Amino acid sequence: AVLEIKRLAIAREAHLVDQNVPVPLSILWQIPQYFLVGASEVFTFIGALEFFYDQSPGAMRSLCSALQLITTALGNYLSAFILTMVAYFTTRGGRPGWIPDNLNEGRLDYFFWLLAGLSFLNFLVYVLCANRFKSKKAA
């Protein structure tokens, strides 16, 4: 969201808001975001795989790993649903919405803040579940 705020500011300063031209901002500014997303997916997948092999019964290990991939697919569907709902609610009344065809006219930063808030809520649910979890080895 912070990078999008900067990109929108550059678009306004260069008077590119109503034009469908690229904003003079290097794509390399996205490297930290892509690195964090990629690293988090790797660590999540490895951690979940280790968890399933350590905590599930032997006969269910491959099933649990498959369920992890199903939850990833469901997460992709949920992402599409959230995007559709944001587009629906922000374009009512003839407004351009947060995510229009010309991103210089939109508020993609609001969408990123929404995703950050949802991720934080997801983290809180994870913490609650993790605190209540009883390890197989501790039982």
N, C-alpha and C. Protein backbone atom coordinates (compact mmCIF):
# COMPACT_ATOMS: atom_id res chain seq x y z
N ALA A 1 0.83 -1.20 0.00
CA ALA A 1 0.00 0.00 0.00
C ALA A 1 0.87 1.25 0.00
N VAL A 2 1.99 1.20 0.70
CA VAL A 2 2.86 2.37 0.77
C VAL A 2 3.44 2.68 -0.61
N LEU A 3 3.85 1.66 -1.33
CA LEU A 3 4.38 1.88 -2.68
C LEU A 3 3.29 2.40 -3.62
N GLU A 4 2.07 1.93 -3.46
CA GLU A 4 0.97 2.41 -4.30
C GLU A 4 0.66 3.88 -4.00
N ILE A 5 0.75 4.28 -2.74
CA ILE A 5 0.57 5.69 -2.39
C ILE A 5 1.63 6.53 -3.09
N LYS A 6 2.87 6.05 -3.08
CA LYS A 6 3.96 6.76 -3.76
C LYS A 6 3.71 6.81 -5.27
N ARG A 7 3.26 5.70 -5.85
CA ARG A 7 3.00 5.66 -7.29
C ARG A 7 1.89 6.64 -7.68
N LEU A 8 0.84 6.70 -6.87
CA LEU A 8 -0.24 7.64 -7.15
C LEU A 8 0.23 9.09 -7.03
N ALA A 9 1.09 9.36 -6.06
CA ALA A 9 1.63 10.72 -5.90
C ALA A 9 2.46 11.11 -7.12
N ILE A 10 3.27 10.19 -7.62
CA ILE A 10 4.07 10.47 -8.81
C ILE A 10 3.15 10.70 -10.01
N ALA A 11 2.08 9.91 -10.12
CA ALA A 11 1.13 10.09 -11.23
C ALA A 11 0.47 11.46 -11.17
N ARG A 12 0.14 11.91 -9.96
CA ARG A 12 -0.48 13.23 -9.83
C ARG A 12 0.52 14.34 -10.16
N GLU A 13 1.75 14.20 -9.65
CA GLU A 13 2.78 15.22 -9.90
C GLU A 13 3.10 15.34 -11.39
N ALA A 14 3.10 14.22 -12.10
CA ALA A 14 3.43 14.23 -13.53
C ALA A 14 2.19 14.45 -14.40
N HIS A 15 1.05 14.71 -13.77
CA HIS A 15 -0.22 14.95 -14.48
C HIS A 15 -0.58 13.77 -15.40
N LEU A 16 -0.46 12.57 -14.85
CA LEU A 16 -0.74 11.36 -15.62
C LEU A 16 -2.02 10.66 -15.17
N VAL A 17 -2.77 11.29 -14.28
CA VAL A 17 -3.93 10.62 -13.69
C VAL A 17 -4.96 10.26 -14.75
N ASP A 18 -5.26 11.18 -15.65
CA ASP A 18 -6.28 10.93 -16.67
C ASP A 18 -5.73 10.29 -17.94
N GLN A 19 -4.44 10.05 -17.96
CA GLN A 19 -3.83 9.47 -19.16
C GLN A 19 -3.56 7.99 -18.92
N ASN A 20 -3.60 7.24 -19.97
CA ASN A 20 -3.35 5.81 -19.87
C ASN A 20 -1.90 5.52 -20.28
N VAL A 21 -0.96 6.09 -19.54
CA VAL A 21 0.47 5.91 -19.80
C VAL A 21 1.13 5.41 -18.52
N PRO A 22 2.27 4.75 -18.65
CA PRO A 22 2.97 4.25 -17.46
C PRO A 22 3.48 5.39 -16.58
N VAL A 23 3.48 5.16 -15.30
CA VAL A 23 4.02 6.11 -14.33
C VAL A 23 5.53 5.92 -14.28
N PRO A 24 6.30 7.01 -14.27
CA PRO A 24 7.77 6.88 -14.25
C PRO A 24 8.29 6.42 -12.88
N LEU A 25 8.02 5.17 -12.55
CA LEU A 25 8.48 4.57 -11.31
C LEU A 25 9.02 3.19 -11.66
N SER A 26 10.23 2.91 -11.25
CA SER A 26 10.87 1.65 -11.61
C SER A 26 10.12 0.45 -11.03
N ILE A 27 10.03 -0.58 -11.83
CA ILE A 27 9.39 -1.83 -11.40
C ILE A 27 10.20 -2.48 -10.28
N LEU A 28 11.46 -2.12 -10.17
CA LEU A 28 12.33 -2.72 -9.16
C LEU A 28 11.88 -2.40 -7.73
N TRP A 29 11.03 -1.39 -7.57
CA TRP A 29 10.50 -1.07 -6.24
C TRP A 29 9.60 -2.19 -5.72
N GLN A 30 9.19 -3.10 -6.58
CA GLN A 30 8.33 -4.20 -6.15
C GLN A 30 9.12 -5.42 -5.69
N ILE A 31 10.43 -5.38 -5.82
CA ILE A 31 11.25 -6.53 -5.42
C ILE A 31 11.03 -6.91 -3.95
N PRO A 32 11.04 -5.96 -3.00
CA PRO A 32 10.82 -6.38 -1.60
C PRO A 32 9.48 -7.07 -1.38
N GLN A 33 8.42 -6.57 -2.01
CA GLN A 33 7.11 -7.18 -1.83
C GLN A 33 7.08 -8.60 -2.39
N TYR A 34 7.62 -8.79 -3.58
CA TYR A 34 7.63 -10.12 -4.17
C TYR A 34 8.52 -11.07 -3.38
N PHE A 35 9.63 -10.56 -2.86
CA PHE A 35 10.51 -11.39 -2.04
C PHE A 35 9.78 -11.85 -0.77
N LEU A 36 9.10 -10.92 -0.10
CA LEU A 36 8.39 -11.28 1.13
C LEU A 36 7.26 -12.28 0.86
N VAL A 37 6.51 -12.07 -0.20
CA VAL A 37 5.42 -13.00 -0.52
C VAL A 37 5.99 -14.37 -0.88
N GLY A 38 7.01 -14.40 -1.70
CA GLY A 38 7.61 -15.68 -2.08
C GLY A 38 8.21 -16.42 -0.90
N ALA A 39 8.95 -15.70 -0.06
CA ALA A 39 9.57 -16.33 1.11
C ALA A 39 8.50 -16.83 2.08
N SER A 40 7.44 -16.05 2.27
CA SER A 40 6.39 -16.48 3.20
C SER A 40 5.68 -17.72 2.68
N GLU A 41 5.47 -17.81 1.37
CA GLU A 41 4.84 -19.02 0.82
C GLU A 41 5.73 -20.24 1.00
N VAL A 42 7.02 -20.06 0.79
CA VAL A 42 7.95 -21.18 0.97
C VAL A 42 7.95 -21.65 2.42
N PHE A 43 8.09 -20.71 3.36
CA PHE A 43 8.13 -21.08 4.77
C PHE A 43 6.80 -21.67 5.24
N THR A 44 5.70 -21.15 4.72
CA THR A 44 4.39 -21.68 5.09
C THR A 44 4.24 -23.11 4.60
N PHE A 45 4.61 -23.35 3.34
CA PHE A 45 4.47 -24.69 2.79
C PHE A 45 5.36 -25.68 3.54
N ILE A 46 6.60 -25.30 3.79
CA ILE A 46 7.52 -26.20 4.49
C ILE A 46 7.05 -26.46 5.92
N GLY A 47 6.61 -25.40 6.60
CA GLY A 47 6.11 -25.55 7.97
C GLY A 47 4.88 -26.44 8.04
N ALA A 48 3.97 -26.25 7.10
CA ALA A 48 2.75 -27.07 7.09
C ALA A 48 3.08 -28.53 6.79
N LEU A 49 3.98 -28.75 5.84
CA LEU A 49 4.38 -30.11 5.51
C LEU A 49 5.01 -30.80 6.72
N GLU A 50 5.89 -30.11 7.41
CA GLU A 50 6.52 -30.65 8.62
C GLU A 50 5.47 -30.92 9.70
N PHE A 51 4.54 -29.99 9.85
CA PHE A 51 3.47 -30.16 10.85
C PHE A 51 2.64 -31.40 10.55
N PHE A 52 2.24 -31.59 9.29
CA PHE A 52 1.41 -32.74 8.94
C PHE A 52 2.17 -34.05 9.14
N TYR A 53 3.43 -34.07 8.80
CA TYR A 53 4.19 -35.31 8.97
C TYR A 53 4.47 -35.61 10.43
N ASP A 54 4.54 -34.57 11.26
CA ASP A 54 4.84 -34.76 12.67
C ASP A 54 3.58 -35.05 13.49
N GLN A 55 2.46 -34.42 13.16
CA GLN A 55 1.28 -34.47 14.02
C GLN A 55 0.16 -35.37 13.52
N SER A 56 0.16 -35.75 12.27
CA SER A 56 -0.94 -36.58 11.77
C SER A 56 -0.56 -38.06 11.82
N PRO A 57 -1.56 -38.94 11.89
CA PRO A 57 -1.27 -40.37 11.85
C PRO A 57 -0.60 -40.74 10.52
N GLY A 58 0.20 -41.77 10.54
CA GLY A 58 0.95 -42.16 9.36
C GLY A 58 0.11 -42.38 8.12
N ALA A 59 -1.06 -42.97 8.29
CA ALA A 59 -1.92 -43.26 7.14
C ALA A 59 -2.56 -42.01 6.54
N MET A 60 -2.54 -40.91 7.28
CA MET A 60 -3.22 -39.69 6.81
C MET A 60 -2.25 -38.60 6.35
N ARG A 61 -0.97 -38.87 6.37
CA ARG A 61 0.00 -37.83 6.03
C ARG A 61 -0.17 -37.29 4.62
N SER A 62 -0.31 -38.17 3.66
CA SER A 62 -0.47 -37.69 2.28
C SER A 62 -1.81 -37.01 2.10
N LEU A 63 -2.84 -37.47 2.79
CA LEU A 63 -4.15 -36.82 2.72
C LEU A 63 -4.07 -35.40 3.28
N CYS A 64 -3.39 -35.23 4.39
CA CYS A 64 -3.25 -33.90 4.98
C CYS A 64 -2.47 -32.97 4.06
N SER A 65 -1.45 -33.49 3.41
CA SER A 65 -0.71 -32.67 2.45
C SER A 65 -1.59 -32.26 1.28
N ALA A 66 -2.45 -33.17 0.84
CA ALA A 66 -3.38 -32.84 -0.24
C ALA A 66 -4.39 -31.80 0.22
N LEU A 67 -4.83 -31.89 1.47
CA LEU A 67 -5.76 -30.90 2.00
C LEU A 67 -5.12 -29.51 2.05
N GLN A 68 -3.83 -29.47 2.28
CA GLN A 68 -3.13 -28.19 2.27
C GLN A 68 -3.23 -27.55 0.88
N LEU A 69 -3.05 -28.34 -0.15
CA LEU A 69 -3.17 -27.81 -1.51
C LEU A 69 -4.60 -27.39 -1.83
N ILE A 70 -5.57 -28.10 -1.28
CA ILE A 70 -6.97 -27.72 -1.48
C ILE A 70 -7.24 -26.38 -0.80
N THR A 71 -6.70 -26.18 0.40
CA THR A 71 -6.91 -24.89 1.06
C THR A 71 -6.24 -23.76 0.30
N THR A 72 -5.13 -24.05 -0.37
CA THR A 72 -4.50 -23.03 -1.22
C THR A 72 -5.44 -22.67 -2.38
N ALA A 73 -6.04 -23.67 -2.98
CA ALA A 73 -6.99 -23.42 -4.07
C ALA A 73 -8.20 -22.63 -3.56
N LEU A 74 -8.71 -22.99 -2.40
CA LEU A 74 -9.84 -22.25 -1.83
C LEU A 74 -9.44 -20.81 -1.52
N GLY A 75 -8.21 -20.61 -1.10
CA GLY A 75 -7.72 -19.26 -0.87
C GLY A 75 -7.70 -18.44 -2.14
N ASN A 76 -7.35 -19.07 -3.25
CA ASN A 76 -7.38 -18.37 -4.54
C ASN A 76 -8.80 -17.98 -4.92
N TYR A 77 -9.76 -18.88 -4.69
CA TYR A 77 -11.16 -18.54 -4.95
C TYR A 77 -11.63 -17.42 -4.03
N LEU A 78 -11.21 -17.45 -2.77
CA LEU A 78 -11.58 -16.39 -1.84
C LEU A 78 -11.00 -15.06 -2.28
N SER A 79 -9.79 -15.07 -2.80
CA SER A 79 -9.18 -13.83 -3.32
C SER A 79 -10.00 -13.26 -4.46
N ALA A 80 -10.44 -14.11 -5.36
CA ALA A 80 -11.27 -13.65 -6.48
C ALA A 80 -12.60 -13.10 -5.97
N PHE A 81 -13.17 -13.75 -4.97
CA PHE A 81 -14.43 -13.28 -4.40
C PHE A 81 -14.26 -11.91 -3.74
N ILE A 82 -13.19 -11.74 -2.97
CA ILE A 82 -12.93 -10.45 -2.32
C ILE A 82 -12.76 -9.36 -3.37
N LEU A 83 -12.01 -9.65 -4.41
CA LEU A 83 -11.81 -8.68 -5.48
C LEU A 83 -13.14 -8.30 -6.14
N THR A 84 -13.97 -9.29 -6.39
CA THR A 84 -15.29 -9.03 -6.99
C THR A 84 -16.15 -8.17 -6.07
N MET A 85 -16.15 -8.47 -4.77
CA MET A 85 -16.95 -7.70 -3.82
C MET A 85 -16.45 -6.27 -3.70
N VAL A 86 -15.14 -6.09 -3.67
CA VAL A 86 -14.58 -4.74 -3.60
C VAL A 86 -14.96 -3.95 -4.84
N ALA A 87 -14.85 -4.58 -6.00
CA ALA A 87 -15.23 -3.90 -7.24
C ALA A 87 -16.71 -3.55 -7.23
N TYR A 88 -17.54 -4.47 -6.76
CA TYR A 88 -18.98 -4.22 -6.73
C TYR A 88 -19.34 -3.05 -5.80
N PHE A 89 -18.83 -3.09 -4.58
CA PHE A 89 -19.21 -2.07 -3.60
C PHE A 89 -18.58 -0.71 -3.86
N THR A 90 -17.41 -0.69 -4.47
CA THR A 90 -16.75 0.61 -4.69
C THR A 90 -17.14 1.27 -6.00
N THR A 91 -17.83 0.55 -6.88
CA THR A 91 -18.25 1.17 -8.15
C THR A 91 -19.73 1.54 -8.15
N ARG A 92 -20.41 1.35 -7.04
CA ARG A 92 -21.83 1.73 -6.99
C ARG A 92 -21.96 3.24 -7.10
N GLY A 93 -23.02 3.67 -7.69
CA GLY A 93 -23.28 5.10 -7.83
C GLY A 93 -22.46 5.77 -8.92
N GLY A 94 -21.92 4.98 -9.84
CA GLY A 94 -21.16 5.55 -10.95
C GLY A 94 -19.74 5.97 -10.62
N ARG A 95 -19.27 5.62 -9.43
CA ARG A 95 -17.89 5.95 -9.06
C ARG A 95 -16.91 5.04 -9.80
N PRO A 96 -15.66 5.50 -9.97
CA PRO A 96 -14.69 4.66 -10.68
C PRO A 96 -14.27 3.43 -9.87
N GLY A 97 -14.43 3.45 -8.58
CA GLY A 97 -14.06 2.31 -7.75
C GLY A 97 -12.59 2.32 -7.38
N TRP A 98 -12.23 1.39 -6.53
CA TRP A 98 -10.85 1.29 -6.09
C TRP A 98 -9.95 0.71 -7.17
N ILE A 99 -10.50 -0.14 -8.03
CA ILE A 99 -9.67 -0.85 -9.01
C ILE A 99 -10.26 -0.66 -10.41
N PRO A 100 -10.14 0.54 -10.98
CA PRO A 100 -10.66 0.77 -12.33
C PRO A 100 -9.67 0.27 -13.39
N ASP A 101 -10.06 0.38 -14.65
CA ASP A 101 -9.15 -0.02 -15.73
C ASP A 101 -7.88 0.82 -15.73
N ASN A 102 -8.02 2.12 -15.49
CA ASN A 102 -6.86 3.00 -15.38
C ASN A 102 -6.54 3.14 -13.90
N LEU A 103 -5.50 2.45 -13.44
CA LEU A 103 -5.18 2.44 -12.01
C LEU A 103 -4.80 3.81 -11.47
N ASN A 104 -4.42 4.73 -12.35
CA ASN A 104 -4.09 6.08 -11.90
C ASN A 104 -5.32 6.81 -11.38
N GLU A 105 -6.50 6.36 -11.77
CA GLU A 105 -7.75 6.98 -11.31
C GLU A 105 -8.34 6.26 -10.11
N GLY A 106 -7.78 5.15 -9.72
CA GLY A 106 -8.34 4.34 -8.64
C GLY A 106 -7.64 4.54 -7.31
N ARG A 107 -8.00 3.70 -6.38
CA ARG A 107 -7.40 3.71 -5.04
C ARG A 107 -6.99 2.29 -4.68
N LEU A 108 -6.05 1.77 -5.44
CA LEU A 108 -5.54 0.43 -5.18
C LEU A 108 -4.91 0.35 -3.80
N ASP A 109 -4.42 1.49 -3.29
CA ASP A 109 -3.84 1.50 -1.95
C ASP A 109 -4.88 1.11 -0.89
N TYR A 110 -6.13 1.55 -1.06
CA TYR A 110 -7.19 1.15 -0.13
C TYR A 110 -7.39 -0.36 -0.15
N PHE A 111 -7.33 -0.94 -1.35
CA PHE A 111 -7.48 -2.39 -1.48
C PHE A 111 -6.34 -3.11 -0.76
N PHE A 112 -5.13 -2.61 -0.92
CA PHE A 112 -3.99 -3.23 -0.24
C PHE A 112 -4.11 -3.10 1.27
N TRP A 113 -4.61 -1.95 1.76
CA TRP A 113 -4.82 -1.80 3.21
C TRP A 113 -5.90 -2.77 3.69
N LEU A 114 -6.94 -2.97 2.89
CA LEU A 114 -7.98 -3.95 3.23
C LEU A 114 -7.37 -5.34 3.34
N LEU A 115 -6.53 -5.71 2.38
CA LEU A 115 -5.88 -7.03 2.44
C LEU A 115 -4.97 -7.15 3.65
N ALA A 116 -4.28 -6.07 4.00
CA ALA A 116 -3.42 -6.09 5.19
C ALA A 116 -4.27 -6.29 6.45
N GLY A 117 -5.41 -5.62 6.51
CA GLY A 117 -6.30 -5.79 7.66
C GLY A 117 -6.85 -7.20 7.76
N LEU A 118 -7.26 -7.76 6.63
CA LEU A 118 -7.75 -9.14 6.62
C LEU A 118 -6.64 -10.12 7.00
N SER A 119 -5.42 -9.85 6.56
CA SER A 119 -4.29 -10.71 6.94
C SER A 119 -4.03 -10.63 8.43
N PHE A 120 -4.17 -9.45 9.00
CA PHE A 120 -3.98 -9.30 10.45
C PHE A 120 -5.05 -10.07 11.22
N LEU A 121 -6.31 -9.98 10.77
CA LEU A 121 -7.38 -10.75 11.41
C LEU A 121 -7.11 -12.25 11.29
N ASN A 122 -6.62 -12.68 10.14
CA ASN A 122 -6.27 -14.08 9.94
C ASN A 122 -5.16 -14.49 10.91
N PHE A 123 -4.20 -13.60 11.11
CA PHE A 123 -3.11 -13.88 12.05
C PHE A 123 -3.65 -14.04 13.47
N LEU A 124 -4.61 -13.19 13.86
CA LEU A 124 -5.19 -13.30 15.20
C LEU A 124 -5.91 -14.64 15.38
N VAL A 125 -6.64 -15.08 14.36
CA VAL A 125 -7.31 -16.38 14.41
C VAL A 125 -6.27 -17.49 14.53
N TYR A 126 -5.18 -17.36 13.78
CA TYR A 126 -4.10 -18.36 13.86
C TYR A 126 -3.53 -18.43 15.28
N VAL A 127 -3.28 -17.27 15.89
CA VAL A 127 -2.72 -17.24 17.24
C VAL A 127 -3.67 -17.92 18.22
N LEU A 128 -4.97 -17.65 18.10
CA LEU A 128 -5.95 -18.30 18.97
C LEU A 128 -5.93 -19.82 18.79
N CYS A 129 -5.90 -20.26 17.55
CA CYS A 129 -5.88 -21.71 17.28
C CYS A 129 -4.57 -22.34 17.75
N ALA A 130 -3.46 -21.65 17.54
CA ALA A 130 -2.16 -22.19 17.94
C ALA A 130 -2.05 -22.31 19.45
N ASN A 131 -2.63 -21.36 20.18
CA ASN A 131 -2.59 -21.42 21.64
C ASN A 131 -3.44 -22.56 22.19
N ARG A 132 -4.49 -22.93 21.50
CA ARG A 132 -5.37 -24.01 21.96
C ARG A 132 -4.92 -25.39 21.48
N PHE A 133 -3.98 -25.43 20.56
CA PHE A 133 -3.55 -26.69 19.97
C PHE A 133 -2.74 -27.51 20.98
N LYS A 134 -3.07 -28.78 21.06
CA LYS A 134 -2.32 -29.72 21.91
C LYS A 134 -1.47 -30.60 21.01
N SER A 135 -0.17 -30.52 21.18
CA SER A 135 0.75 -31.28 20.35
C SER A 135 0.58 -32.77 20.59
N LYS A 136 0.76 -33.54 19.54
CA LYS A 136 0.65 -35.00 19.62
C LYS A 136 1.71 -35.55 20.57
N LYS A 137 2.89 -34.96 20.56
CA LYS A 137 3.97 -35.44 21.42
C LYS A 137 3.75 -35.04 22.88
N ALA A 138 3.03 -33.94 23.11
CA ALA A 138 2.78 -33.49 24.48
C ALA A 138 1.65 -34.28 25.13
N ALA A 139 0.82 -34.91 24.31
CA ALA A 139 -0.35 -35.63 24.85
C ALA A 139 0.03 -36.94 25.47
